[in-house]
Amino acid sequence: MAILEKPKEKGITIDLTGPQGNAFYLLGIASKFGRELGWDRDEIEIVLREMKRGDYENLITVFDKYFGDFVTLYK
């Protein structure tokens, strides 16, 4: 029998059931990621407004739309 290593997660993970699942945290991290991606202030504001436009499900759907390529969200 061999002991296997747990596969490492690729990219960034956010557990939505924990403190990182807080809407304010997600808005803040979206702003941070936007800056890191070189977006200007207006582009970041457009994403933040879209995230705030609906309920919590909308917020995480929009977050995933823009950052899902490098962030994995867990419910």
PDB file of N, CA and C in Angstrom:
ATOM      1  N   MET A   1       0.852  -1.176   0.000  1.00  0.00           N
ATOM      2  CA  MET A   1       0.000   0.000   0.000  1.00  0.00           C
ATOM      3  C   MET A   1       0.896   1.237   0.000  1.00  0.00           C
ATOM      4  N   ALA A   2       0.525   2.208  -0.813  1.00  0.00           N
ATOM      5  CA  ALA A   2       1.282   3.457  -0.910  1.00  0.00           C
ATOM      6  C   ALA A   2       0.497   4.572  -0.221  1.00  0.00           C
ATOM      7  N   ILE A   3       1.215   5.493   0.348  1.00  0.00           N
ATOM      8  CA  ILE A   3       0.596   6.677   0.944  1.00  0.00           C
ATOM      9  C   ILE A   3       0.629   7.772  -0.114  1.00  0.00           C
ATOM     10  N   LEU A   4      -0.535   8.252  -0.449  1.00  0.00           N
ATOM     11  CA  LEU A   4      -0.638   9.264  -1.493  1.00  0.00           C
ATOM     12  C   LEU A   4      -0.781  10.646  -0.888  1.00  0.00           C
ATOM     13  N   GLU A   5      -0.218  11.615  -1.568  1.00  0.00           N
ATOM     14  CA  GLU A   5      -0.387  12.992  -1.130  1.00  0.00           C
ATOM     15  C   GLU A   5      -1.728  13.521  -1.628  1.00  0.00           C
ATOM     16  N   LYS A   6      -2.320  14.351  -0.823  1.00  0.00           N
ATOM     17  CA  LYS A   6      -3.576  14.990  -1.205  1.00  0.00           C
ATOM     18  C   LYS A   6      -3.280  15.915  -2.386  1.00  0.00           C
ATOM     19  N   PRO A   7      -4.109  15.849  -3.441  1.00  0.00           N
ATOM     20  CA  PRO A   7      -3.854  16.746  -4.576  1.00  0.00           C
ATOM     21  C   PRO A   7      -3.941  18.199  -4.146  1.00  0.00           C
ATOM     22  N   LYS A   8      -3.034  19.005  -4.641  1.00  0.00           N
ATOM     23  CA  LYS A   8      -3.027  20.418  -4.285  1.00  0.00           C
ATOM     24  C   LYS A   8      -4.018  21.169  -5.165  1.00  0.00           C
ATOM     25  N   GLU A   9      -4.719  22.096  -4.545  1.00  0.00           N
ATOM     26  CA  GLU A   9      -5.673  22.933  -5.269  1.00  0.00           C
ATOM     27  C   GLU A   9      -4.891  23.873  -6.174  1.00  0.00           C
ATOM     28  N   LYS A  10      -5.392  24.077  -7.359  1.00  0.00           N
ATOM     29  CA  LYS A  10      -4.787  25.047  -8.256  1.00  0.00           C
ATOM     30  C   LYS A  10      -5.457  26.389  -8.036  1.00  0.00           C
ATOM     31  N   GLY A  11      -4.672  27.434  -8.010  1.00  0.00           N
ATOM     32  CA  GLY A  11      -5.227  28.770  -7.865  1.00  0.00           C
ATOM     33  C   GLY A  11      -5.671  29.059  -6.439  1.00  0.00           C
ATOM     34  N   ILE A  12      -6.582  29.974  -6.329  1.00  0.00           N
ATOM     35  CA  ILE A  12      -7.077  30.470  -5.051  1.00  0.00           C
ATOM     36  C   ILE A  12      -8.427  29.826  -4.770  1.00  0.00           C
ATOM     37  N   THR A  13      -8.664  29.441  -3.528  1.00  0.00           N
ATOM     38  CA  THR A  13      -9.963  28.890  -3.140  1.00  0.00           C
ATOM     39  C   THR A  13     -10.603  29.781  -2.082  1.00  0.00           C
ATOM     40  N   ILE A  14     -11.921  29.908  -2.155  1.00  0.00           N
ATOM     41  CA  ILE A  14     -12.678  30.672  -1.163  1.00  0.00           C
ATOM     42  C   ILE A  14     -13.839  29.809  -0.698  1.00  0.00           C
ATOM     43  N   ASP A  15     -13.897  29.577   0.608  1.00  0.00           N
ATOM     44  CA  ASP A  15     -14.985  28.821   1.224  1.00  0.00           C
ATOM     45  C   ASP A  15     -16.101  29.804   1.564  1.00  0.00           C
ATOM     46  N   LEU A  16     -17.193  29.738   0.828  1.00  0.00           N
ATOM     47  CA  LEU A  16     -18.291  30.680   1.024  1.00  0.00           C
ATOM     48  C   LEU A  16     -19.025  30.480   2.341  1.00  0.00           C
ATOM     49  N   THR A  17     -18.814  29.343   3.006  1.00  0.00           N
ATOM     50  CA  THR A  17     -19.480  29.105   4.291  1.00  0.00           C
ATOM     51  C   THR A  17     -18.698  29.698   5.458  1.00  0.00           C
ATOM     52  N   GLY A  18     -17.489  30.158   5.204  1.00  0.00           N
ATOM     53  CA  GLY A  18     -16.651  30.740   6.253  1.00  0.00           C
ATOM     54  C   GLY A  18     -16.618  32.256   6.137  1.00  0.00           C
ATOM     55  N   PRO A  19     -15.692  32.875   6.886  1.00  0.00           N
ATOM     56  CA  PRO A  19     -15.588  34.337   6.891  1.00  0.00           C
ATOM     57  C   PRO A  19     -15.291  34.928   5.512  1.00  0.00           C
ATOM     58  N   GLN A  20     -14.643  34.158   4.647  1.00  0.00           N
ATOM     59  CA  GLN A  20     -14.340  34.657   3.312  1.00  0.00           C
ATOM     60  C   GLN A  20     -15.574  34.694   2.416  1.00  0.00           C
ATOM     61  N   GLY A  21     -16.650  34.079   2.857  1.00  0.00           N
ATOM     62  CA  GLY A  21     -17.890  34.097   2.094  1.00  0.00           C
ATOM     63  C   GLY A  21     -18.725  35.341   2.325  1.00  0.00           C
ATOM     64  N   ASN A  22     -18.264  36.197   3.223  1.00  0.00           N
ATOM     65  CA  ASN A  22     -18.952  37.439   3.537  1.00  0.00           C
ATOM     66  C   ASN A  22     -18.975  38.333   2.291  1.00  0.00           C
ATOM     67  N   ALA A  23     -20.118  38.951   1.999  1.00  0.00           N
ATOM     68  CA  ALA A  23     -20.261  39.786   0.805  1.00  0.00           C
ATOM     69  C   ALA A  23     -19.232  40.916   0.781  1.00  0.00           C
ATOM     70  N   PHE A  24     -18.969  41.529   1.921  1.00  0.00           N
ATOM     71  CA  PHE A  24     -18.002  42.628   1.967  1.00  0.00           C
ATOM     72  C   PHE A  24     -16.592  42.139   1.659  1.00  0.00           C
ATOM     73  N   TYR A  25     -16.257  40.937   2.127  1.00  0.00           N
ATOM     74  CA  TYR A  25     -14.952  40.356   1.818  1.00  0.00           C
ATOM     75  C   TYR A  25     -14.841  40.126   0.315  1.00  0.00           C
ATOM     76  N   LEU A  26     -15.876  39.544  -0.292  1.00  0.00           N
ATOM     77  CA  LEU A  26     -15.850  39.259  -1.724  1.00  0.00           C
ATOM     78  C   LEU A  26     -15.755  40.531  -2.560  1.00  0.00           C
ATOM     79  N   LEU A  27     -16.438  41.586  -2.151  1.00  0.00           N
ATOM     80  CA  LEU A  27     -16.327  42.868  -2.851  1.00  0.00           C
ATOM     81  C   LEU A  27     -14.904  43.417  -2.734  1.00  0.00           C
ATOM     82  N   GLY A  28     -14.321  43.305  -1.553  1.00  0.00           N
ATOM     83  CA  GLY A  28     -12.959  43.783  -1.347  1.00  0.00           C
ATOM     84  C   GLY A  28     -11.945  42.994  -2.156  1.00  0.00           C
ATOM     85  N   ILE A  29     -12.099  41.684  -2.179  1.00  0.00           N
ATOM     86  CA  ILE A  29     -11.154  40.850  -2.915  1.00  0.00           C
ATOM     87  C   ILE A  29     -11.331  41.050  -4.419  1.00  0.00           C
ATOM     88  N   ALA A  30     -12.553  41.321  -4.875  1.00  0.00           N
ATOM     89  CA  ALA A  30     -12.783  41.614  -6.292  1.00  0.00           C
ATOM     90  C   ALA A  30     -12.058  42.905  -6.683  1.00  0.00           C
ATOM     91  N   SER A  31     -12.123  43.895  -5.820  1.00  0.00           N
ATOM     92  CA  SER A  31     -11.419  45.145  -6.068  1.00  0.00           C
ATOM     93  C   SER A  31      -9.907  44.913  -6.118  1.00  0.00           C
ATOM     94  N   LYS A  32      -9.412  44.132  -5.188  1.00  0.00           N
ATOM     95  CA  LYS A  32      -7.977  43.814  -5.132  1.00  0.00           C
ATOM     96  C   LYS A  32      -7.540  43.069  -6.397  1.00  0.00           C
ATOM     97  N   PHE A  33      -8.305  42.054  -6.782  1.00  0.00           N
ATOM     98  CA  PHE A  33      -7.961  41.293  -7.978  1.00  0.00           C
ATOM     99  C   PHE A  33      -7.991  42.189  -9.218  1.00  0.00           C
ATOM    100  N   GLY A  34      -8.988  43.074  -9.300  1.00  0.00           N
ATOM    101  CA  GLY A  34      -9.069  43.993 -10.429  1.00  0.00           C
ATOM    102  C   GLY A  34      -7.815  44.844 -10.546  1.00  0.00           C
ATOM    103  N   ARG A  35      -7.351  45.381  -9.410  1.00  0.00           N
ATOM    104  CA  ARG A  35      -6.112  46.181  -9.417  1.00  0.00           C
ATOM    105  C   ARG A  35      -4.926  45.337  -9.855  1.00  0.00           C
ATOM    106  N   GLU A  36      -4.857  44.092  -9.325  1.00  0.00           N
ATOM    107  CA  GLU A  36      -3.747  43.203  -9.685  1.00  0.00           C
ATOM    108  C   GLU A  36      -3.767  42.832 -11.168  1.00  0.00           C
ATOM    109  N   LEU A  37      -4.962  42.806 -11.762  1.00  0.00           N
ATOM    110  CA  LEU A  37      -5.091  42.491 -13.182  1.00  0.00           C
ATOM    111  C   LEU A  37      -4.866  43.713 -14.074  1.00  0.00           C
ATOM    112  N   GLY A  38      -4.631  44.867 -13.443  1.00  0.00           N
ATOM    113  CA  GLY A  38      -4.340  46.085 -14.200  1.00  0.00           C
ATOM    114  C   GLY A  38      -5.565  46.832 -14.679  1.00  0.00           C
ATOM    115  N   TRP A  39      -6.730  46.531 -14.114  1.00  0.00           N
ATOM    116  CA  TRP A  39      -7.946  47.239 -14.497  1.00  0.00           C
ATOM    117  C   TRP A  39      -7.888  48.656 -13.944  1.00  0.00           C
ATOM    118  N   ASP A  40      -8.507  49.597 -14.659  1.00  0.00           N
ATOM    119  CA  ASP A  40      -8.572  50.950 -14.119  1.00  0.00           C
ATOM    120  C   ASP A  40      -9.757  51.055 -13.143  1.00  0.00           C
ATOM    121  N   ARG A  41      -9.839  52.186 -12.484  1.00  0.00           N
ATOM    122  CA  ARG A  41     -10.850  52.379 -11.439  1.00  0.00           C
ATOM    123  C   ARG A  41     -12.262  52.202 -11.974  1.00  0.00           C
ATOM    124  N   ASP A  42     -12.525  52.686 -13.184  1.00  0.00           N
ATOM    125  CA  ASP A  42     -13.869  52.569 -13.770  1.00  0.00           C
ATOM    126  C   ASP A  42     -14.241  51.108 -14.036  1.00  0.00           C
ATOM    127  N   GLU A  43     -13.294  50.325 -14.546  1.00  0.00           N
ATOM    128  CA  GLU A  43     -13.564  48.902 -14.803  1.00  0.00           C
ATOM    129  C   GLU A  43     -13.887  48.164 -13.507  1.00  0.00           C
ATOM    130  N   ILE A  44     -13.149  48.464 -12.460  1.00  0.00           N
ATOM    131  CA  ILE A  44     -13.397  47.838 -11.160  1.00  0.00           C
ATOM    132  C   ILE A  44     -14.777  48.229 -10.644  1.00  0.00           C
ATOM    133  N   GLU A  45     -15.129  49.504 -10.751  1.00  0.00           N
ATOM    134  CA  GLU A  45     -16.435  49.981 -10.284  1.00  0.00           C
ATOM    135  C   GLU A  45     -17.585  49.310 -11.027  1.00  0.00           C
ATOM    136  N   ILE A  46     -17.417  49.076 -12.312  1.00  0.00           N
ATOM    137  CA  ILE A  46     -18.463  48.407 -13.103  1.00  0.00           C
ATOM    138  C   ILE A  46     -18.715  47.004 -12.547  1.00  0.00           C
ATOM    139  N   VAL A  47     -17.647  46.272 -12.246  1.00  0.00           N
ATOM    140  CA  VAL A  47     -17.783  44.916 -11.703  1.00  0.00           C
ATOM    141  C   VAL A  47     -18.423  44.963 -10.314  1.00  0.00           C
ATOM    142  N   LEU A  48     -17.963  45.879  -9.465  1.00  0.00           N
ATOM    143  CA  LEU A  48     -18.523  45.984  -8.114  1.00  0.00           C
ATOM    144  C   LEU A  48     -20.010  46.336  -8.156  1.00  0.00           C
ATOM    145  N   ARG A  49     -20.390  47.257  -9.043  1.00  0.00           N
ATOM    146  CA  ARG A  49     -21.817  47.610  -9.178  1.00  0.00           C
ATOM    147  C   ARG A  49     -22.635  46.411  -9.645  1.00  0.00           C
ATOM    148  N   GLU A  50     -22.085  45.661 -10.591  1.00  0.00           N
ATOM    149  CA  GLU A  50     -22.783  44.470 -11.080  1.00  0.00           C
ATOM    150  C   GLU A  50     -22.942  43.438  -9.958  1.00  0.00           C
ATOM    151  N   MET A  51     -21.922  43.304  -9.120  1.00  0.00           N
ATOM    152  CA  MET A  51     -21.996  42.369  -7.991  1.00  0.00           C
ATOM    153  C   MET A  51     -23.074  42.798  -7.001  1.00  0.00           C
ATOM    154  N   LYS A  52     -23.223  44.104  -6.796  1.00  0.00           N
ATOM    155  CA  LYS A  52     -24.178  44.636  -5.812  1.00  0.00           C
ATOM    156  C   LYS A  52     -25.597  44.742  -6.353  1.00  0.00           C
ATOM    157  N   ARG A  53     -25.777  44.518  -7.632  1.00  0.00           N
ATOM    158  CA  ARG A  53     -27.064  44.749  -8.289  1.00  0.00           C
ATOM    159  C   ARG A  53     -28.176  43.816  -7.803  1.00  0.00           C
ATOM    160  N   GLY A  54     -27.841  42.673  -7.257  1.00  0.00           N
ATOM    161  CA  GLY A  54     -28.873  41.715  -6.855  1.00  0.00           C
ATOM    162  C   GLY A  54     -28.622  41.178  -5.463  1.00  0.00           C
ATOM    163  N   ASP A  55     -29.054  39.956  -5.252  1.00  0.00           N
ATOM    164  CA  ASP A  55     -28.888  39.301  -3.961  1.00  0.00           C
ATOM    165  C   ASP A  55     -27.505  38.638  -3.864  1.00  0.00           C
ATOM    166  N   TYR A  56     -27.298  37.883  -2.796  1.00  0.00           N
ATOM    167  CA  TYR A  56     -26.010  37.235  -2.555  1.00  0.00           C
ATOM    168  C   TYR A  56     -25.655  36.257  -3.671  1.00  0.00           C
ATOM    169  N   GLU A  57     -26.647  35.519  -4.167  1.00  0.00           N
ATOM    170  CA  GLU A  57     -26.392  34.576  -5.262  1.00  0.00           C
ATOM    171  C   GLU A  57     -25.881  35.314  -6.493  1.00  0.00           C
ATOM    172  N   ASN A  58     -26.468  36.479  -6.776  1.00  0.00           N
ATOM    173  CA  ASN A  58     -25.987  37.299  -7.885  1.00  0.00           C
ATOM    174  C   ASN A  58     -24.541  37.716  -7.639  1.00  0.00           C
ATOM    175  N   LEU A  59     -24.246  38.145  -6.428  1.00  0.00           N
ATOM    176  CA  LEU A  59     -22.900  38.597  -6.095  1.00  0.00           C
ATOM    177  C   LEU A  59     -21.870  37.506  -6.388  1.00  0.00           C
ATOM    178  N   ILE A  60     -22.133  36.276  -5.954  1.00  0.00           N
ATOM    179  CA  ILE A  60     -21.148  35.214  -6.180  1.00  0.00           C
ATOM    180  C   ILE A  60     -21.129  34.763  -7.638  1.00  0.00           C
ATOM    181  N   THR A  61     -22.265  34.853  -8.324  1.00  0.00           N
ATOM    182  CA  THR A  61     -22.302  34.511  -9.750  1.00  0.00           C
ATOM    183  C   THR A  61     -21.454  35.496 -10.557  1.00  0.00           C
ATOM    184  N   VAL A  62     -21.600  36.780 -10.259  1.00  0.00           N
ATOM    185  CA  VAL A  62     -20.820  37.804 -10.960  1.00  0.00           C
ATOM    186  C   VAL A  62     -19.339  37.670 -10.603  1.00  0.00           C
ATOM    187  N   PHE A  63     -19.034  37.424  -9.334  1.00  0.00           N
ATOM    188  CA  PHE A  63     -17.644  37.218  -8.921  1.00  0.00           C
ATOM    189  C   PHE A  63     -17.042  36.072  -9.725  1.00  0.00           C
ATOM    190  N   ASP A  64     -17.780  34.981  -9.830  1.00  0.00           N
ATOM    191  CA  ASP A  64     -17.294  33.809 -10.566  1.00  0.00           C
ATOM    192  C   ASP A  64     -17.124  34.123 -12.053  1.00  0.00           C
ATOM    193  N   LYS A  65     -18.011  34.917 -12.596  1.00  0.00           N
ATOM    194  CA  LYS A  65     -17.936  35.304 -14.012  1.00  0.00           C
ATOM    195  C   LYS A  65     -16.614  36.003 -14.318  1.00  0.00           C
ATOM    196  N   TYR A  66     -16.189  36.891 -13.439  1.00  0.00           N
ATOM    197  CA  TYR A  66     -14.980  37.670 -13.687  1.00  0.00           C
ATOM    198  C   TYR A  66     -13.703  37.006 -13.174  1.00  0.00           C
ATOM    199  N   PHE A  67     -13.797  36.236 -12.100  1.00  0.00           N
ATOM    200  CA  PHE A  67     -12.584  35.716 -11.464  1.00  0.00           C
ATOM    201  C   PHE A  67     -12.535  34.194 -11.388  1.00  0.00           C
ATOM    202  N   GLY A  68     -13.535  33.524 -11.966  1.00  0.00           N
ATOM    203  CA  GLY A  68     -13.634  32.074 -11.881  1.00  0.00           C
ATOM    204  C   GLY A  68     -12.498  31.312 -12.542  1.00  0.00           C
ATOM    205  N   ASP A  69     -11.759  31.965 -13.436  1.00  0.00           N
ATOM    206  CA  ASP A  69     -10.638  31.285 -14.084  1.00  0.00           C
ATOM    207  C   ASP A  69      -9.491  31.012 -13.124  1.00  0.00           C
ATOM    208  N   PHE A  70      -9.403  31.806 -12.045  1.00  0.00           N
ATOM    209  CA  PHE A  70      -8.308  31.573 -11.103  1.00  0.00           C
ATOM    210  C   PHE A  70      -8.744  31.510  -9.642  1.00  0.00           C
ATOM    211  N   VAL A  71     -10.047  31.568  -9.402  1.00  0.00           N
ATOM    212  CA  VAL A  71     -10.573  31.434  -8.032  1.00  0.00           C
ATOM    213  C   VAL A  71     -11.653  30.356  -8.045  1.00  0.00           C
ATOM    214  N   THR A  72     -11.542  29.401  -7.115  1.00  0.00           N
ATOM    215  CA  THR A  72     -12.556  28.370  -6.965  1.00  0.00           C
ATOM    216  C   THR A  72     -13.389  28.699  -5.721  1.00  0.00           C
ATOM    217  N   LEU A  73     -14.704  28.806  -5.909  1.00  0.00           N
ATOM    218  CA  LEU A  73     -15.620  29.080  -4.805  1.00  0.00           C
ATOM    219  C   LEU A  73     -16.240  27.778  -4.339  1.00  0.00           C
ATOM    220  N   TYR A  74     -16.295  27.573  -3.009  1.00  0.00           N
ATOM    221  CA  TYR A  74     -16.932  26.383  -2.423  1.00  0.00           C
ATOM    222  C   TYR A  74     -18.100  26.824  -1.569  1.00  0.00           C
ATOM    223  N   LYS A  75     -19.249  26.120  -1.729  1.00  0.00           N
ATOM    224  CA  LYS A  75     -20.428  26.382  -0.891  1.00  0.00           C
ATOM    225  C   LYS A  75     -20.484  25.383   0.225  1.00  0.00           C
TER     226      LYS A  75
END
